Amino acid sequence: MRILLGSEHIPYSLDPMRRGRARGGAHCGGGGDGEADREPQHGGGRPPRLLPRLLRRRLRRLPPHLPGSGPGSSSSAAAERDAEINRSLPGDAFDAVARAKAALEQACPGAVSCADVLALAARHLVSMLGGPFYPLRLGRRDAPFSPAPSSAHVAPDLPRTNMTAPQLIALFASKGFTVQEMVALAGAHTVGFSHCKEFAGRIYNFENRGPNAFDPALNPRFAQGLQRACASYLKDPTISTFNDVMTPGKFDNLYFQNLPRGLGLLASDAALFVDTRTRPFVEGYAANQTAFFEGFARAMEKLSAYGVKTGRDGEIRRRCDAFNDHP
């Protein structure tokens, strides 16, 4: 993985599952009220690059997948992991969930679902990067099978990097999320990275105007820097840039401040500052980080309760990279 045009993240340890309680017996020594509400301790060490990637994996799956798939669908199932839209997500973003689950199974066999592992890990890394800590309802279960053997079933429910604001609004609205909630969740792009192929159309031959023509919505110096950084992306598809080149290792509101400056990396980012329905929220979050954190926390809490599987509707997987064996 080559990440260019941004500062390096500082590695540190991640133990997303150390705190949090689960309902219905899905806990191991502790309360069973179904809510994880204790903030993690920020210990020593330095953050691994997989933290922003894991958050990106969580948010790139929004809105949640088709009925029956749910937040706990198998991390390495071909339908999800091999889908073109997910190939930009590195292996460790998928594998981190599997590793955390494996550690949990040793300590608390059959207690915590993969869906809860993913939700808790995402919250933990947001907090560790300086973002808000938000409540989560735990006790959800994983889907017992995959409803779709092909990547065609994975992509339709995922936000795409070239979507317009109306398309994004419609997609999130179909899952019950408001415009403000959608914009708040987009703020997760304050960390993480994107591969050059995801925005190449904005920096090379934009609208067939010539090899070096770029989207005029981009800051010229930023666009030229991206062109240099991504010059070899066709030969090396792993070349990436940070979504927020100003503070890539910090969860803050710089993402929103970047948009009016022409520093939004993806077309879907830039679109939020153009549409009259989304722009007021972009401007509000750019001016007030506390408001962004509050909006993001509410949206993530709502997400944690969306499409939850409980009881016989699901199961607790023994591994997050494989379905349980059924007779």
Protein backbone atom coordinates (compact mmCIF):
# COMPACT_ATOMS: atom_id res chain seq x y z
CA MET A 1 0.00 0.00 0.00
CA ARG A 2 1.45 3.35 -1.02
CA ILE A 3 -0.12 6.43 0.54
CA LEU A 4 1.00 9.73 -0.90
CA LEU A 5 0.10 13.39 -0.47
CA GLY A 6 -0.28 13.45 3.28
CA SER A 7 1.48 12.90 6.58
CA GLU A 8 1.94 9.40 7.98
CA HIS A 9 -0.23 7.99 10.72
CA ILE A 10 1.51 7.08 13.97
CA PRO A 11 1.00 3.40 14.90
CA TYR A 12 -0.63 2.42 18.21
CA SER A 13 -2.40 -0.59 19.68
CA LEU A 14 -6.08 -1.30 19.19
CA ASP A 15 -8.12 -3.31 21.63
CA PRO A 16 -11.68 -2.39 20.58
CA MET A 17 -13.44 -4.97 22.67
CA ARG A 18 -12.03 -4.32 26.12
CA ARG A 19 -15.11 -2.41 27.21
CA GLY A 20 -18.78 -2.71 26.44
CA ARG A 21 -21.65 -4.87 27.52
CA ALA A 22 -24.15 -6.89 25.60
CA ARG A 23 -27.76 -7.84 26.16
CA GLY A 24 -29.25 -11.30 26.33
CA GLY A 25 -26.22 -13.10 27.71
CA ALA A 26 -23.89 -11.64 25.09
CA HIS A 27 -21.41 -10.55 27.68
CA CYS A 28 -18.64 -12.09 29.70
CA GLY A 29 -18.37 -10.87 33.24
CA GLY A 30 -20.17 -7.56 33.56
CA GLY A 31 -23.56 -5.96 33.24
CA GLY A 32 -26.12 -7.13 30.74
CA ASP A 33 -28.08 -4.00 30.01
CA GLY A 34 -27.46 -4.12 26.29
CA GLU A 35 -25.57 -0.84 26.10
CA ALA A 36 -21.86 -0.12 25.91
CA ASP A 37 -21.41 3.27 27.48
CA ARG A 38 -17.94 3.37 28.96
CA GLU A 39 -15.27 5.38 27.22
CA PRO A 40 -12.01 3.55 26.44
CA GLN A 41 -8.81 4.45 28.24
CA HIS A 42 -6.32 6.16 25.96
CA GLY A 43 -3.19 4.28 26.83
CA GLY A 44 0.32 4.48 25.47
CA GLY A 45 1.53 3.33 22.12
CA ARG A 46 0.77 4.76 18.72
CA PRO A 47 -2.10 4.19 16.22
CA PRO A 48 -1.81 1.62 13.38
CA ARG A 49 -2.91 2.68 9.93
CA LEU A 50 -5.71 0.13 10.00
CA LEU A 51 -7.75 2.35 12.34
CA PRO A 52 -8.92 4.82 9.69
CA ARG A 53 -9.33 1.91 7.30
CA LEU A 54 -11.54 0.04 9.74
CA LEU A 55 -13.71 3.11 10.18
CA ARG A 56 -13.88 3.47 6.44
CA ARG A 57 -14.95 -0.15 6.17
CA ARG A 58 -17.75 0.54 8.66
CA LEU A 59 -18.97 3.61 6.81
CA ARG A 60 -18.48 2.34 3.28
CA ARG A 61 -21.06 -0.30 4.20
CA LEU A 62 -23.68 2.39 4.74
CA PRO A 63 -26.54 2.12 4.28
CA PRO A 64 -26.60 -1.47 5.53
CA HIS A 65 -26.75 -4.29 3.01
CA LEU A 66 -29.68 -6.23 1.74
CA PRO A 67 -32.10 -7.83 4.19
CA GLY A 68 -30.56 -10.98 5.59
CA SER A 69 -27.02 -9.75 5.14
CA GLY A 70 -26.87 -7.20 7.90
CA PRO A 71 -23.86 -5.65 9.64
CA GLY A 72 -22.54 -9.07 10.53
CA SER A 73 -22.15 -10.50 7.04
CA SER A 74 -19.01 -12.57 6.59
CA SER A 75 -15.94 -10.37 6.39
CA SER A 76 -14.28 -12.45 3.70
CA ALA A 77 -17.36 -13.62 1.81
CA ALA A 78 -16.70 -13.31 -1.90
CA ALA A 79 -19.85 -11.28 -2.47
CA GLU A 80 -18.55 -8.52 -0.22
CA ARG A 81 -14.80 -8.70 -0.09
CA ASP A 82 -14.29 -9.24 -3.80
CA ALA A 83 -16.83 -6.70 -4.97
CA GLU A 84 -15.16 -4.02 -7.09
CA ILE A 85 -16.45 -1.27 -4.83
CA ASN A 86 -14.75 -2.91 -1.82
CA ARG A 87 -11.41 -3.75 -3.41
CA SER A 88 -10.04 -0.41 -2.28
CA LEU A 89 -10.41 -1.61 1.30
CA PRO A 90 -7.15 -3.29 2.38
CA GLY A 91 -7.04 -6.75 3.86
CA ASP A 92 -6.25 -5.55 7.35
CA ALA A 93 -9.49 -3.56 7.47
CA PHE A 94 -11.35 -6.83 6.96
CA ASP A 95 -8.94 -8.93 9.00
CA ALA A 96 -8.92 -6.63 12.04
CA VAL A 97 -12.49 -7.65 12.79
CA ALA A 98 -11.64 -11.33 12.41
CA ARG A 99 -8.63 -10.99 14.70
CA ALA A 100 -10.61 -9.15 17.38
CA LYS A 101 -13.32 -11.79 17.19
CA ALA A 102 -10.78 -14.60 17.53
CA ALA A 103 -9.38 -13.02 20.68
CA LEU A 104 -12.87 -12.63 22.09
CA GLU A 105 -13.75 -16.24 21.38
CA GLN A 106 -10.81 -17.34 23.50
CA ALA A 107 -11.96 -15.21 26.44
CA CYS A 108 -15.75 -15.37 25.97
CA PRO A 109 -16.79 -18.15 23.56
CA GLY A 110 -20.07 -17.50 21.76
CA ALA A 111 -20.70 -14.22 23.58
CA VAL A 112 -20.10 -11.32 21.18
CA SER A 113 -21.24 -11.24 17.56
CA CYS A 114 -19.17 -10.06 14.62
CA ALA A 115 -21.71 -7.28 14.12
CA ASP A 116 -21.02 -5.98 17.63
CA VAL A 117 -17.25 -6.37 17.15
CA LEU A 118 -17.39 -4.16 14.07
CA ALA A 119 -19.56 -1.52 15.73
CA LEU A 120 -17.39 -1.38 18.85
CA ALA A 121 -14.15 -1.28 16.87
CA ALA A 122 -15.41 1.63 14.78
CA ARG A 123 -16.43 3.58 17.87
CA HIS A 124 -13.15 2.85 19.61
CA LEU A 125 -11.02 4.12 16.77
CA VAL A 126 -13.14 7.28 16.39
CA SER A 127 -12.57 8.03 20.05
CA MET A 128 -8.86 7.18 19.90
CA LEU A 129 -8.41 9.59 16.97
CA GLY A 130 -10.00 12.43 18.95
CA GLY A 131 -13.60 12.03 17.87
CA PRO A 132 -16.76 11.63 19.94
CA PHE A 133 -17.61 8.65 22.10
CA TYR A 134 -21.20 7.57 21.54
CA PRO A 135 -23.52 4.96 23.10
CA LEU A 136 -24.11 1.67 21.34
CA ARG A 137 -26.84 -0.89 21.83
CA LEU A 138 -25.27 -4.33 21.83
CA GLY A 139 -26.65 -7.84 21.69
CA ARG A 140 -27.25 -8.00 17.94
CA ARG A 141 -26.65 -11.22 16.06
CA ASP A 142 -25.03 -12.13 12.77
CA ALA A 143 -26.82 -13.33 9.66
CA PRO A 144 -26.68 -17.14 9.54
CA PHE A 145 -26.09 -17.26 5.79
CA SER A 146 -25.20 -15.10 2.82
CA PRO A 147 -28.15 -14.13 0.61
CA ALA A 148 -25.99 -13.22 -2.35
CA PRO A 149 -23.18 -15.17 -3.99
CA SER A 150 -22.18 -12.39 -6.37
CA SER A 151 -20.81 -8.90 -5.99
CA ALA A 152 -23.81 -7.56 -7.89
CA HIS A 153 -25.80 -7.85 -4.66
CA VAL A 154 -23.23 -5.93 -2.63
CA ALA A 155 -22.66 -2.79 -4.65
CA PRO A 156 -26.20 -1.35 -5.00
CA ASP A 157 -26.53 -0.51 -1.31
CA LEU A 158 -23.11 1.15 -1.03
CA PRO A 159 -22.50 4.88 -1.47
CA ARG A 160 -20.22 5.38 -4.45
CA THR A 161 -17.44 7.92 -4.72
CA ASN A 162 -18.94 9.50 -7.84
CA MET A 163 -22.49 9.86 -6.54
CA THR A 164 -24.24 13.21 -6.72
CA ALA A 165 -25.86 14.74 -3.65
CA PRO A 166 -29.39 13.82 -4.86
CA GLN A 167 -28.28 10.22 -5.31
CA LEU A 168 -26.72 10.11 -1.85
CA ILE A 169 -29.77 11.72 -0.27
CA ALA A 170 -32.08 9.21 -1.94
CA LEU A 171 -29.90 6.25 -0.96
CA PHE A 172 -29.72 7.21 2.71
CA ALA A 173 -33.38 8.25 2.82
CA SER A 174 -34.34 4.77 1.63
CA LYS A 175 -32.76 3.47 4.83
CA GLY A 176 -34.38 6.05 7.07
CA PHE A 177 -31.49 8.51 7.42
CA THR A 178 -32.06 12.25 7.12
CA VAL A 179 -29.99 14.66 5.03
CA GLN A 180 -28.29 15.96 8.17
CA GLU A 181 -27.45 12.45 9.34
CA MET A 182 -26.03 11.60 5.93
CA VAL A 183 -23.81 14.70 5.95
CA ALA A 184 -22.65 13.97 9.49
CA LEU A 185 -21.71 10.40 8.53
CA ALA A 186 -19.83 11.73 5.49
CA GLY A 187 -17.61 13.51 8.00
CA ALA A 188 -15.94 10.15 8.64
CA HIS A 189 -13.83 11.05 5.60
CA THR A 190 -11.86 13.25 7.95
CA VAL A 191 -9.70 10.13 8.36
CA GLY A 192 -8.78 7.31 6.02
CA PHE A 193 -7.62 7.25 2.43
CA SER A 194 -8.84 6.73 -1.12
CA HIS A 195 -7.15 5.01 -4.02
CA CYS A 196 -6.33 7.17 -7.02
CA LYS A 197 -8.72 5.26 -9.26
CA GLU A 198 -11.60 6.50 -7.11
CA PHE A 199 -11.03 10.12 -8.13
CA ALA A 200 -8.90 9.80 -11.29
CA GLY A 201 -11.76 11.17 -13.37
CA ARG A 202 -11.52 14.45 -11.45
CA ILE A 203 -7.81 15.00 -12.03
CA TYR A 204 -7.12 13.53 -15.48
CA ASN A 205 -8.93 14.37 -18.72
CA PHE A 206 -11.90 15.85 -16.89
CA GLU A 207 -14.89 15.84 -19.25
CA ASN A 208 -12.50 14.93 -22.11
CA ARG A 209 -10.86 18.35 -21.98
CA GLY A 210 -7.30 17.05 -22.21
CA PRO A 211 -4.91 14.74 -20.33
CA ASN A 212 -4.16 17.24 -17.56
CA ALA A 213 -7.60 18.83 -17.33
CA PHE A 214 -9.01 18.60 -13.81
CA ASP A 215 -12.33 19.35 -12.16
CA PRO A 216 -12.51 23.15 -11.74
CA ALA A 217 -14.16 22.58 -8.36
CA LEU A 218 -10.76 21.40 -7.10
CA ASN A 219 -8.19 23.80 -5.72
CA PRO A 220 -5.64 24.06 -8.60
CA ARG A 221 -2.59 23.38 -6.44
CA PHE A 222 -4.36 20.48 -4.79
CA ALA A 223 -5.36 19.03 -8.18
CA GLN A 224 -1.83 19.34 -9.53
CA GLY A 225 -0.45 17.68 -6.42
CA LEU A 226 -2.90 14.83 -6.87
CA GLN A 227 -1.85 14.46 -10.50
CA ARG A 228 1.77 14.09 -9.44
CA ALA A 229 0.96 11.71 -6.60
CA CYS A 230 -1.23 9.50 -8.79
CA ALA A 231 0.89 9.62 -11.94
CA SER A 232 1.60 5.87 -11.81
CA TYR A 233 -1.74 4.66 -10.47
CA LEU A 234 -2.54 2.61 -13.58
CA LYS A 235 0.65 0.61 -13.05
CA ASP A 236 0.34 0.58 -9.28
CA PRO A 237 -3.33 0.55 -8.24
CA THR A 238 -2.37 0.62 -4.55
CA ILE A 239 -1.33 4.29 -4.68
CA SER A 240 -3.59 6.27 -2.36
CA THR A 241 -3.99 9.69 -0.81
CA PHE A 242 -5.50 10.74 2.48
CA ASN A 243 -9.08 11.96 2.38
CA ASP A 244 -8.10 14.91 4.57
CA VAL A 245 -4.57 16.01 3.72
CA MET A 246 -4.56 18.66 6.43
CA THR A 247 -5.02 16.48 9.54
CA PRO A 248 -5.22 12.89 8.22
CA GLY A 249 -4.60 11.25 11.58
CA LYS A 250 -7.13 13.26 13.57
CA PHE A 251 -10.90 12.95 13.74
CA ASP A 252 -12.02 16.57 13.49
CA ASN A 253 -14.14 18.90 11.35
CA LEU A 254 -11.39 19.78 8.85
CA TYR A 255 -13.16 17.61 6.27
CA PHE A 256 -16.01 20.13 6.18
CA GLN A 257 -13.68 23.12 6.21
CA ASN A 258 -11.85 21.62 3.23
CA LEU A 259 -14.91 21.41 0.98
CA PRO A 260 -15.40 25.14 0.26
CA ARG A 261 -11.64 25.42 -0.31
CA GLY A 262 -11.73 22.89 -3.14
CA LEU A 263 -9.95 20.27 -1.04
CA GLY A 264 -12.68 17.64 -1.12
CA LEU A 265 -11.00 14.57 -2.58
CA LEU A 266 -13.97 12.61 -3.93
CA ALA A 267 -16.73 13.80 -6.23
CA SER A 268 -19.25 12.68 -3.63
CA ASP A 269 -17.49 14.90 -1.08
CA ALA A 270 -17.50 17.98 -3.30
CA ALA A 271 -21.17 17.41 -4.14
CA LEU A 272 -22.17 18.07 -0.54
CA PHE A 273 -21.05 21.69 -0.79
CA VAL A 274 -22.98 22.26 -4.03
CA ASP A 275 -26.45 20.98 -3.21
CA THR A 276 -28.64 23.48 -1.37
CA ARG A 277 -29.99 20.72 0.90
CA THR A 278 -26.59 19.56 2.13
CA ARG A 279 -24.56 22.76 2.04
CA PRO A 280 -26.08 24.33 5.20
CA PHE A 281 -25.02 21.30 7.22
CA VAL A 282 -21.54 21.35 5.68
CA GLU A 283 -21.18 25.00 6.62
CA GLY A 284 -22.57 24.42 10.09
CA TYR A 285 -20.20 21.55 10.83
CA ALA A 286 -17.27 23.47 9.35
CA ALA A 287 -17.93 26.32 11.76
CA ASN A 288 -18.69 24.21 14.83
CA GLN A 289 -16.80 20.99 15.56
CA THR A 290 -18.93 20.31 18.63
CA ALA A 291 -22.05 20.35 16.45
CA PHE A 292 -20.39 17.89 14.05
CA PHE A 293 -19.37 15.56 16.86
CA GLU A 294 -22.89 15.63 18.29
CA GLY A 295 -24.46 15.01 14.88
CA PHE A 296 -22.02 12.22 14.08
CA ALA A 297 -22.59 10.55 17.44
CA ARG A 298 -26.37 10.63 17.01
CA ALA A 299 -26.14 9.23 13.50
CA MET A 300 -23.80 6.43 14.55
CA GLU A 301 -26.02 5.57 17.51
CA LYS A 302 -28.98 5.39 15.13
CA LEU A 303 -26.98 3.21 12.78
CA SER A 304 -26.16 0.82 15.62
CA ALA A 305 -29.87 0.15 16.06
CA TYR A 306 -30.67 -0.19 12.35
CA GLY A 307 -31.70 -3.60 11.02
CA VAL A 308 -30.58 -5.39 14.17
CA LYS A 309 -30.94 -9.16 14.19
CA THR A 310 -31.90 -10.74 17.50
CA GLY A 311 -33.00 -14.14 18.77
CA ARG A 312 -33.68 -16.72 16.09
CA ASP A 313 -33.25 -14.18 13.29
CA GLY A 314 -29.51 -14.56 13.60
CA GLU A 315 -26.65 -16.30 15.32
CA ILE A 316 -23.33 -15.51 16.95
CA ARG A 317 -20.63 -16.57 14.56
CA ARG A 318 -17.61 -18.41 15.83
CA ARG A 319 -15.49 -16.70 13.19
CA CYS A 320 -16.09 -13.47 11.31
CA ASP A 321 -14.47 -14.78 8.14
CA ALA A 322 -16.75 -17.81 7.86
CA PHE A 323 -20.35 -18.80 8.48
CA ASN A 324 -21.18 -21.34 11.17
CA ASP A 325 -21.70 -24.90 9.99
CA HIS A 326 -25.35 -25.90 9.97
CA PRO A 327 -26.70 -29.44 9.72
